[in-house]
Amino acid sequence: MSFQCHSAKSFTRASIWKNAPEAPGVYGLSNARVWLVIEESNNIRAELMAVYDEMNAFPSGTPPTGFSFEVCESRQRRDRWLQLTRELSPVARANRR
């Protein structure tokens, strides 16, 4: 089962501000070909904004173009992160943190 919010949002500052909640959960970053990273966060919007500001942290040729997310409480977050990581096989398997 992939992200409950199936429609990917554009990975731009305006789209993050408009679409990402200030809530705990998991999120994924992708480009047109692959999932780049799946992460968990206490604040999805703040984390995505920080990642957006660190775009040079992604290898050349693999910048994210979209994001998906799910809001979930902290006690469920780690399990959901593991589930999505196994299912979607992001190219960056380790947490950024």
PDB file of N, CA and C in Angstrom:
ATOM      1  N   MET A   1       0.844  -1.173   0.000  1.00  0.00           N
ATOM      2  CA  MET A   1       0.000   0.000   0.000  1.00  0.00           C
ATOM      3  C   MET A   1       0.894   1.242   0.000  1.00  0.00           C
ATOM      4  N   SER A   2       0.770   2.058  -1.037  1.00  0.00           N
ATOM      5  CA  SER A   2       1.575   3.277  -1.089  1.00  0.00           C
ATOM      6  C   SER A   2       0.925   4.366  -0.243  1.00  0.00           C
ATOM      7  N   PHE A   3       1.399   5.595  -0.406  1.00  0.00           N
ATOM      8  CA  PHE A   3       0.866   6.705   0.382  1.00  0.00           C
ATOM      9  C   PHE A   3      -0.650   6.786   0.240  1.00  0.00           C
ATOM     10  N   GLN A   4      -1.319   7.077   1.336  1.00  0.00           N
ATOM     11  CA  GLN A   4      -2.777   7.216   1.305  1.00  0.00           C
ATOM     12  C   GLN A   4      -3.201   8.394   0.446  1.00  0.00           C
ATOM     13  N   CYS A   5      -2.388   9.429   0.418  1.00  0.00           N
ATOM     14  CA  CYS A   5      -2.622  10.591  -0.453  1.00  0.00           C
ATOM     15  C   CYS A   5      -1.904  10.274  -1.765  1.00  0.00           C
ATOM     16  N   HIS A   6      -2.608   9.661  -2.709  1.00  0.00           N
ATOM     17  CA  HIS A   6      -1.967   9.147  -3.921  1.00  0.00           C
ATOM     18  C   HIS A   6      -1.483  10.225  -4.880  1.00  0.00           C
ATOM     19  N   SER A   7      -2.107  11.371  -4.883  1.00  0.00           N
ATOM     20  CA  SER A   7      -1.701  12.396  -5.828  1.00  0.00           C
ATOM     21  C   SER A   7      -0.470  13.134  -5.314  1.00  0.00           C
ATOM     22  N   ALA A   8       0.597  13.043  -6.079  1.00  0.00           N
ATOM     23  CA  ALA A   8       1.825  13.736  -5.713  1.00  0.00           C
ATOM     24  C   ALA A   8       1.644  15.230  -5.939  1.00  0.00           C
ATOM     25  N   LYS A   9       2.226  15.997  -5.059  1.00  0.00           N
ATOM     26  CA  LYS A   9       2.195  17.455  -5.160  1.00  0.00           C
ATOM     27  C   LYS A   9       3.531  17.927  -5.721  1.00  0.00           C
ATOM     28  N   SER A  10       3.525  19.033  -6.401  1.00  0.00           N
ATOM     29  CA  SER A  10       4.740  19.604  -6.960  1.00  0.00           C
ATOM     30  C   SER A  10       5.688  20.038  -5.834  1.00  0.00           C
ATOM     31  N   PHE A  11       6.966  19.735  -5.988  1.00  0.00           N
ATOM     32  CA  PHE A  11       7.949  20.090  -4.960  1.00  0.00           C
ATOM     33  C   PHE A  11       8.486  21.495  -5.221  1.00  0.00           C
ATOM     34  N   THR A  12       7.643  22.474  -4.905  1.00  0.00           N
ATOM     35  CA  THR A  12       8.009  23.883  -4.984  1.00  0.00           C
ATOM     36  C   THR A  12       7.674  24.518  -3.645  1.00  0.00           C
ATOM     37  N   ARG A  13       8.275  25.643  -3.362  1.00  0.00           N
ATOM     38  CA  ARG A  13       8.016  26.333  -2.094  1.00  0.00           C
ATOM     39  C   ARG A  13       6.519  26.645  -1.952  1.00  0.00           C
ATOM     40  N   ALA A  14       5.892  27.153  -2.998  1.00  0.00           N
ATOM     41  CA  ALA A  14       4.470  27.506  -2.933  1.00  0.00           C
ATOM     42  C   ALA A  14       3.592  26.273  -2.701  1.00  0.00           C
ATOM     43  N   SER A  15       3.906  25.179  -3.374  1.00  0.00           N
ATOM     44  CA  SER A  15       3.119  23.960  -3.220  1.00  0.00           C
ATOM     45  C   SER A  15       3.287  23.343  -1.832  1.00  0.00           C
ATOM     46  N   ILE A  16       4.498  23.367  -1.319  1.00  0.00           N
ATOM     47  CA  ILE A  16       4.733  22.857   0.036  1.00  0.00           C
ATOM     48  C   ILE A  16       3.903  23.669   1.028  1.00  0.00           C
ATOM     49  N   TRP A  17       3.977  24.986   0.916  1.00  0.00           N
ATOM     50  CA  TRP A  17       3.246  25.868   1.842  1.00  0.00           C
ATOM     51  C   TRP A  17       1.739  25.619   1.759  1.00  0.00           C
ATOM     52  N   LYS A  18       1.232  25.436   0.551  1.00  0.00           N
ATOM     53  CA  LYS A  18      -0.205  25.263   0.339  1.00  0.00           C
ATOM     54  C   LYS A  18      -0.694  23.864   0.731  1.00  0.00           C
ATOM     55  N   ASN A  19       0.088  22.824   0.435  1.00  0.00           N
ATOM     56  CA  ASN A  19      -0.403  21.452   0.538  1.00  0.00           C
ATOM     57  C   ASN A  19       0.088  20.641   1.732  1.00  0.00           C
ATOM     58  N   ALA A  20       1.272  20.941   2.239  1.00  0.00           N
ATOM     59  CA  ALA A  20       1.832  20.128   3.325  1.00  0.00           C
ATOM     60  C   ALA A  20       1.321  20.630   4.682  1.00  0.00           C
ATOM     61  N   PRO A  21       0.858  19.732   5.516  1.00  0.00           N
ATOM     62  CA  PRO A  21       0.337  20.146   6.821  1.00  0.00           C
ATOM     63  C   PRO A  21       1.437  20.365   7.854  1.00  0.00           C
ATOM     64  N   GLU A  22       1.138  21.200   8.818  1.00  0.00           N
ATOM     65  CA  GLU A  22       2.022  21.352   9.974  1.00  0.00           C
ATOM     66  C   GLU A  22       1.587  20.301  10.995  1.00  0.00           C
ATOM     67  N   ALA A  23       1.874  19.054  10.671  1.00  0.00           N
ATOM     68  CA  ALA A  23       1.428  17.926  11.482  1.00  0.00           C
ATOM     69  C   ALA A  23       2.458  16.809  11.391  1.00  0.00           C
ATOM     70  N   PRO A  24       2.451  15.883  12.343  1.00  0.00           N
ATOM     71  CA  PRO A  24       3.389  14.770  12.288  1.00  0.00           C
ATOM     72  C   PRO A  24       2.966  13.751  11.236  1.00  0.00           C
ATOM     73  N   GLY A  25       3.953  13.061  10.675  1.00  0.00           N
ATOM     74  CA  GLY A  25       3.636  12.024   9.705  1.00  0.00           C
ATOM     75  C   GLY A  25       4.850  11.560   8.940  1.00  0.00           C
ATOM     76  N   VAL A  26       4.586  10.974   7.788  1.00  0.00           N
ATOM     77  CA  VAL A  26       5.635  10.491   6.889  1.00  0.00           C
ATOM     78  C   VAL A  26       5.470  11.196   5.551  1.00  0.00           C
ATOM     79  N   TYR A  27       6.581  11.337   4.821  1.00  0.00           N
ATOM     80  CA  TYR A  27       6.515  11.949   3.506  1.00  0.00           C
ATOM     81  C   TYR A  27       7.521  11.272   2.589  1.00  0.00           C
ATOM     82  N   GLY A  28       7.289  11.402   1.317  1.00  0.00           N
ATOM     83  CA  GLY A  28       8.205  10.862   0.321  1.00  0.00           C
ATOM     84  C   GLY A  28       8.475  11.896  -0.745  1.00  0.00           C
ATOM     85  N   LEU A  29       9.701  11.883  -1.245  1.00  0.00           N
ATOM     86  CA  LEU A  29      10.107  12.761  -2.342  1.00  0.00           C
ATOM     87  C   LEU A  29      10.427  11.896  -3.548  1.00  0.00           C
ATOM     88  N   SER A  30       9.981  12.336  -4.712  1.00  0.00           N
ATOM     89  CA  SER A  30      10.202  11.556  -5.924  1.00  0.00           C
ATOM     90  C   SER A  30      10.553  12.477  -7.084  1.00  0.00           C
ATOM     91  N   ASN A  31      11.050  11.854  -8.148  1.00  0.00           N
ATOM     92  CA  ASN A  31      11.162  12.556  -9.415  1.00  0.00           C
ATOM     93  C   ASN A  31      10.328  11.759 -10.415  1.00  0.00           C
ATOM     94  N   ALA A  32      10.457  11.989 -11.662  1.00  0.00           N
ATOM     95  CA  ALA A  32       9.601  11.324 -12.639  1.00  0.00           C
ATOM     96  C   ALA A  32       9.863   9.816 -12.730  1.00  0.00           C
ATOM     97  N   ARG A  33      10.992   9.355 -12.198  1.00  0.00           N
ATOM     98  CA  ARG A  33      11.361   7.945 -12.357  1.00  0.00           C
ATOM     99  C   ARG A  33      11.322   7.120 -11.086  1.00  0.00           C
ATOM    100  N   VAL A  34      11.753   7.683  -9.966  1.00  0.00           N
ATOM    101  CA  VAL A  34      11.933   6.881  -8.749  1.00  0.00           C
ATOM    102  C   VAL A  34      11.554   7.671  -7.498  1.00  0.00           C
ATOM    103  N   TRP A  35      11.321   6.921  -6.422  1.00  0.00           N
ATOM    104  CA  TRP A  35      11.220   7.541  -5.097  1.00  0.00           C
ATOM    105  C   TRP A  35      12.640   7.807  -4.628  1.00  0.00           C
ATOM    106  N   LEU A  36      12.894   9.004  -4.191  1.00  0.00           N
ATOM    107  CA  LEU A  36      14.233   9.388  -3.742  1.00  0.00           C
ATOM    108  C   LEU A  36      14.423   9.120  -2.260  1.00  0.00           C
ATOM    109  N   VAL A  37      13.430   9.454  -1.463  1.00  0.00           N
ATOM    110  CA  VAL A  37      13.564   9.323  -0.018  1.00  0.00           C
ATOM    111  C   VAL A  37      12.176   9.197   0.604  1.00  0.00           C
ATOM    112  N   ILE A  38      12.103   8.430   1.670  1.00  0.00           N
ATOM    113  CA  ILE A  38      10.910   8.356   2.513  1.00  0.00           C
ATOM    114  C   ILE A  38      11.378   8.739   3.913  1.00  0.00           C
ATOM    115  N   GLU A  39      10.689   9.670   4.553  1.00  0.00           N
ATOM    116  CA  GLU A  39      11.093  10.147   5.874  1.00  0.00           C
ATOM    117  C   GLU A  39       9.893  10.267   6.801  1.00  0.00           C
ATOM    118  N   GLU A  40      10.189  10.432   8.067  1.00  0.00           N
ATOM    119  CA  GLU A  40       9.177  10.732   9.066  1.00  0.00           C
ATOM    120  C   GLU A  40       9.528  12.065   9.708  1.00  0.00           C
ATOM    121  N   SER A  41       8.517  12.752  10.235  1.00  0.00           N
ATOM    122  CA  SER A  41       8.757  14.083  10.780  1.00  0.00           C
ATOM    123  C   SER A  41       7.696  14.449  11.809  1.00  0.00           C
ATOM    124  N   ASN A  42       8.068  15.323  12.727  1.00  0.00           N
ATOM    125  CA  ASN A  42       7.102  15.894  13.669  1.00  0.00           C
ATOM    126  C   ASN A  42       6.257  16.987  13.008  1.00  0.00           C
ATOM    127  N   ASN A  43       6.794  17.588  11.939  1.00  0.00           N
ATOM    128  CA  ASN A  43       6.110  18.669  11.228  1.00  0.00           C
ATOM    129  C   ASN A  43       6.442  18.520   9.747  1.00  0.00           C
ATOM    130  N   ILE A  44       5.512  17.952   8.995  1.00  0.00           N
ATOM    131  CA  ILE A  44       5.763  17.655   7.580  1.00  0.00           C
ATOM    132  C   ILE A  44       6.122  18.919   6.803  1.00  0.00           C
ATOM    133  N   ARG A  45       5.356  19.995   6.965  1.00  0.00           N
ATOM    134  CA  ARG A  45       5.630  21.224   6.210  1.00  0.00           C
ATOM    135  C   ARG A  45       7.018  21.784   6.516  1.00  0.00           C
ATOM    136  N   ALA A  46       7.356  21.890   7.788  1.00  0.00           N
ATOM    137  CA  ALA A  46       8.667  22.444   8.165  1.00  0.00           C
ATOM    138  C   ALA A  46       9.803  21.587   7.613  1.00  0.00           C
ATOM    139  N   GLU A  47       9.642  20.283   7.679  1.00  0.00           N
ATOM    140  CA  GLU A  47      10.685  19.382   7.168  1.00  0.00           C
ATOM    141  C   GLU A  47      10.835  19.516   5.659  1.00  0.00           C
ATOM    142  N   LEU A  48       9.721  19.571   4.931  1.00  0.00           N
ATOM    143  CA  LEU A  48       9.803  19.727   3.474  1.00  0.00           C
ATOM    144  C   LEU A  48      10.420  21.070   3.087  1.00  0.00           C
ATOM    145  N   MET A  49      10.100  22.112   3.822  1.00  0.00           N
ATOM    146  CA  MET A  49      10.720  23.416   3.557  1.00  0.00           C
ATOM    147  C   MET A  49      12.230  23.350   3.779  1.00  0.00           C
ATOM    148  N   ALA A  50      12.652  22.668   4.834  1.00  0.00           N
ATOM    149  CA  ALA A  50      14.085  22.527   5.104  1.00  0.00           C
ATOM    150  C   ALA A  50      14.768  21.728   3.997  1.00  0.00           C
ATOM    151  N   VAL A  51      14.121  20.660   3.542  1.00  0.00           N
ATOM    152  CA  VAL A  51      14.683  19.866   2.445  1.00  0.00           C
ATOM    153  C   VAL A  51      14.756  20.706   1.176  1.00  0.00           C
ATOM    154  N   TYR A  52      13.715  21.478   0.904  1.00  0.00           N
ATOM    155  CA  TYR A  52      13.712  22.340  -0.271  1.00  0.00           C
ATOM    156  C   TYR A  52      14.891  23.321  -0.228  1.00  0.00           C
ATOM    157  N   ASP A  53      15.160  23.864   0.936  1.00  0.00           N
ATOM    158  CA  ASP A  53      16.272  24.804   1.094  1.00  0.00           C
ATOM    159  C   ASP A  53      17.632  24.129   0.975  1.00  0.00           C
ATOM    160  N   GLU A  54      17.668  22.800   1.095  1.00  0.00           N
ATOM    161  CA  GLU A  54      18.920  22.026   0.991  1.00  0.00           C
ATOM    162  C   GLU A  54      18.967  21.228  -0.302  1.00  0.00           C
ATOM    163  N   MET A  55      18.403  21.736  -1.366  1.00  0.00           N
ATOM    164  CA  MET A  55      18.313  20.976  -2.624  1.00  0.00           C
ATOM    165  C   MET A  55      19.663  20.478  -3.110  1.00  0.00           C
ATOM    166  N   ASN A  56      20.733  21.168  -2.779  1.00  0.00           N
ATOM    167  CA  ASN A  56      22.055  20.721  -3.217  1.00  0.00           C
ATOM    168  C   ASN A  56      22.499  19.439  -2.510  1.00  0.00           C
ATOM    169  N   ALA A  57      21.724  18.965  -1.525  1.00  0.00           N
ATOM    170  CA  ALA A  57      22.062  17.728  -0.831  1.00  0.00           C
ATOM    171  C   ALA A  57      21.748  16.502  -1.685  1.00  0.00           C
ATOM    172  N   PHE A  58      20.969  16.671  -2.753  1.00  0.00           N
ATOM    173  CA  PHE A  58      20.637  15.548  -3.622  1.00  0.00           C
ATOM    174  C   PHE A  58      21.688  15.422  -4.712  1.00  0.00           C
ATOM    175  N   PRO A  59      22.026  14.186  -5.062  1.00  0.00           N
ATOM    176  CA  PRO A  59      23.016  13.989  -6.127  1.00  0.00           C
ATOM    177  C   PRO A  59      22.574  14.664  -7.422  1.00  0.00           C
ATOM    178  N   SER A  60      23.529  15.102  -8.188  1.00  0.00           N
ATOM    179  CA  SER A  60      23.248  15.747  -9.468  1.00  0.00           C
ATOM    180  C   SER A  60      22.382  14.837 -10.333  1.00  0.00           C
ATOM    181  N   GLY A  61      21.380  15.408 -10.945  1.00  0.00           N
ATOM    182  CA  GLY A  61      20.515  14.637 -11.825  1.00  0.00           C
ATOM    183  C   GLY A  61      19.338  13.975 -11.136  1.00  0.00           C
ATOM    184  N   THR A  62      19.250  14.072  -9.793  1.00  0.00           N
ATOM    185  CA  THR A  62      18.133  13.430  -9.096  1.00  0.00           C
ATOM    186  C   THR A  62      17.385  14.376  -8.160  1.00  0.00           C
ATOM    187  N   PRO A  63      17.159  15.614  -8.549  1.00  0.00           N
ATOM    188  CA  PRO A  63      16.411  16.492  -7.640  1.00  0.00           C
ATOM    189  C   PRO A  63      14.947  16.053  -7.557  1.00  0.00           C
ATOM    190  N   PRO A  64      14.335  16.217  -6.411  1.00  0.00           N
ATOM    191  CA  PRO A  64      12.922  15.869  -6.296  1.00  0.00           C
ATOM    192  C   PRO A  64      12.043  16.835  -7.090  1.00  0.00           C
ATOM    193  N   THR A  65      10.996  16.308  -7.664  1.00  0.00           N
ATOM    194  CA  THR A  65      10.031  17.132  -8.386  1.00  0.00           C
ATOM    195  C   THR A  65       8.638  17.041  -7.768  1.00  0.00           C
ATOM    196  N   GLY A  66       8.440  16.061  -6.875  1.00  0.00           N
ATOM    197  CA  GLY A  66       7.134  15.900  -6.260  1.00  0.00           C
ATOM    198  C   GLY A  66       7.243  15.335  -4.857  1.00  0.00           C
ATOM    199  N   PHE A  67       6.158  15.472  -4.088  1.00  0.00           N
ATOM    200  CA  PHE A  67       6.117  14.895  -2.749  1.00  0.00           C
ATOM    201  C   PHE A  67       4.734  14.345  -2.457  1.00  0.00           C
ATOM    202  N   SER A  68       4.691  13.361  -1.587  1.00  0.00           N
ATOM    203  CA  SER A  68       3.456  12.792  -1.051  1.00  0.00           C
ATOM    204  C   SER A  68       3.634  12.693   0.451  1.00  0.00           C
ATOM    205  N   PHE A  69       2.528  12.568   1.165  1.00  0.00           N
ATOM    206  CA  PHE A  69       2.632  12.506   2.619  1.00  0.00           C
ATOM    207  C   PHE A  69       1.427  11.804   3.214  1.00  0.00           C
ATOM    208  N   GLU A  70       1.559  11.439   4.467  1.00  0.00           N
ATOM    209  CA  GLU A  70       0.464  10.941   5.289  1.00  0.00           C
ATOM    210  C   GLU A  70       0.627  11.515   6.679  1.00  0.00           C
ATOM    211  N   VAL A  71      -0.429  12.009   7.231  1.00  0.00           N
ATOM    212  CA  VAL A  71      -0.419  12.453   8.622  1.00  0.00           C
ATOM    213  C   VAL A  71      -0.631  11.220   9.487  1.00  0.00           C
ATOM    214  N   CYS A  72       0.219  11.039  10.487  1.00  0.00           N
ATOM    215  CA  CYS A  72       0.031   9.948  11.444  1.00  0.00           C
ATOM    216  C   CYS A  72       0.741  10.299  12.748  1.00  0.00           C
ATOM    217  N   GLU A  73       0.199   9.801  13.811  1.00  0.00           N
ATOM    218  CA  GLU A  73       0.727  10.076  15.144  1.00  0.00           C
ATOM    219  C   GLU A  73       2.077   9.403  15.346  1.00  0.00           C
ATOM    220  N   SER A  74       2.833   9.898  16.305  1.00  0.00           N
ATOM    221  CA  SER A  74       4.202   9.446  16.514  1.00  0.00           C
ATOM    222  C   SER A  74       4.309   7.947  16.791  1.00  0.00           C
ATOM    223  N   ARG A  75       3.355   7.367  17.493  1.00  0.00           N
ATOM    224  CA  ARG A  75       3.474   5.941  17.809  1.00  0.00           C
ATOM    225  C   ARG A  75       3.257   5.062  16.581  1.00  0.00           C
ATOM    226  N   GLN A  76       2.649   5.582  15.514  1.00  0.00           N
ATOM    227  CA  GLN A  76       2.432   4.835  14.278  1.00  0.00           C
ATOM    228  C   GLN A  76       3.449   5.192  13.194  1.00  0.00           C
ATOM    229  N   ARG A  77       4.097   6.301  13.370  1.00  0.00           N
ATOM    230  CA  ARG A  77       4.956   6.855  12.322  1.00  0.00           C
ATOM    231  C   ARG A  77       6.094   5.944  11.918  1.00  0.00           C
ATOM    232  N   ARG A  78       6.799   5.406  12.882  1.00  0.00           N
ATOM    233  CA  ARG A  78       7.960   4.557  12.568  1.00  0.00           C
ATOM    234  C   ARG A  78       7.538   3.311  11.788  1.00  0.00           C
ATOM    235  N   ASP A  79       6.443   2.683  12.189  1.00  0.00           N
ATOM    236  CA  ASP A  79       5.960   1.502  11.470  1.00  0.00           C
ATOM    237  C   ASP A  79       5.554   1.853  10.042  1.00  0.00           C
ATOM    238  N   ARG A  80       4.890   2.988   9.876  1.00  0.00           N
ATOM    239  CA  ARG A  80       4.467   3.397   8.534  1.00  0.00           C
ATOM    240  C   ARG A  80       5.668   3.742   7.673  1.00  0.00           C
ATOM    241  N   TRP A  81       6.654   4.390   8.266  1.00  0.00           N
ATOM    242  CA  TRP A  81       7.892   4.703   7.546  1.00  0.00           C
ATOM    243  C   TRP A  81       8.564   3.413   7.051  1.00  0.00           C
ATOM    244  N   LEU A  82       8.666   2.413   7.922  1.00  0.00           N
ATOM    245  CA  LEU A  82       9.268   1.137   7.531  1.00  0.00           C
ATOM    246  C   LEU A  82       8.478   0.470   6.411  1.00  0.00           C
ATOM    247  N   GLN A  83       7.174   0.483   6.533  1.00  0.00           N
ATOM    248  CA  GLN A  83       6.302  -0.125   5.535  1.00  0.00           C
ATOM    249  C   GLN A  83       6.486   0.540   4.166  1.00  0.00           C
ATOM    250  N   LEU A  84       6.450   1.857   4.136  1.00  0.00           N
ATOM    251  CA  LEU A  84       6.612   2.575   2.876  1.00  0.00           C
ATOM    252  C   LEU A  84       8.010   2.419   2.294  1.00  0.00           C
ATOM    253  N   THR A  85       9.014   2.403   3.143  1.00  0.00           N
ATOM    254  CA  THR A  85      10.390   2.225   2.672  1.00  0.00           C
ATOM    255  C   THR A  85      10.557   0.866   2.004  1.00  0.00           C
ATOM    256  N   ARG A  86      10.010  -0.155   2.622  1.00  0.00           N
ATOM    257  CA  ARG A  86      10.090  -1.510   2.023  1.00  0.00           C
ATOM    258  C   ARG A  86       9.330  -1.569   0.702  1.00  0.00           C
ATOM    259  N   GLU A  87       8.165  -0.976   0.664  1.00  0.00           N
ATOM    260  CA  GLU A  87       7.312  -1.055  -0.519  1.00  0.00           C
ATOM    261  C   GLU A  87       7.832  -0.226  -1.692  1.00  0.00           C
ATOM    262  N   LEU A  88       8.255   0.997  -1.414  1.00  0.00           N
ATOM    263  CA  LEU A  88       8.611   1.935  -2.482  1.00  0.00           C
ATOM    264  C   LEU A  88      10.095   1.936  -2.843  1.00  0.00           C
ATOM    265  N   SER A  89      10.938   1.336  -2.024  1.00  0.00           N
ATOM    266  CA  SER A  89      12.377   1.213  -2.288  1.00  0.00           C
ATOM    267  C   SER A  89      13.028   2.516  -2.720  1.00  0.00           C
ATOM    268  N   PRO A  90      13.019   3.540  -1.874  1.00  0.00           N
ATOM    269  CA  PRO A  90      13.668   4.808  -2.266  1.00  0.00           C
ATOM    270  C   PRO A  90      15.157   4.611  -2.466  1.00  0.00           C
ATOM    271  N   VAL A  91      15.729   5.415  -3.362  1.00  0.00           N
ATOM    272  CA  VAL A  91      17.154   5.264  -3.672  1.00  0.00           C
ATOM    273  C   VAL A  91      18.032   5.682  -2.492  1.00  0.00           C
ATOM    274  N   ALA A  92      17.563   6.606  -1.648  1.00  0.00           N
ATOM    275  CA  ALA A  92      18.289   6.983  -0.434  1.00  0.00           C
ATOM    276  C   ALA A  92      17.626   6.237   0.727  1.00  0.00           C
ATOM    277  N   ARG A  93      18.197   5.126   1.120  1.00  0.00           N
ATOM    278  CA  ARG A  93      17.566   4.255   2.105  1.00  0.00           C
ATOM    279  C   ARG A  93      17.721   4.753   3.535  1.00  0.00           C
ATOM    280  N   ALA A  94      18.759   5.498   3.832  1.00  0.00           N
ATOM    281  CA  ALA A  94      18.986   5.952   5.210  1.00  0.00           C
ATOM    282  C   ALA A  94      18.318   7.298   5.430  1.00  0.00           C
ATOM    283  N   ASN A  95      17.944   7.560   6.661  1.00  0.00           N
ATOM    284  CA  ASN A  95      17.385   8.873   7.011  1.00  0.00           C
ATOM    285  C   ASN A  95      18.412   9.964   6.738  1.00  0.00           C
ATOM    286  N   ARG A  96      17.914  11.134   6.317  1.00  0.00           N
ATOM    287  CA  ARG A  96      18.800  12.287   6.157  1.00  0.00           C
ATOM    288  C   ARG A  96      19.384  12.698   7.477  1.00  0.00           C
ATOM    289  N   ARG A  97      18.601  12.535   8.552  1.00  0.00           N
ATOM    290  CA  ARG A  97      19.026  13.005   9.864  1.00  0.00           C
ATOM    291  C   ARG A  97      20.121  12.151  10.425  1.00  0.00           C
TER     292      ARG A  97
END
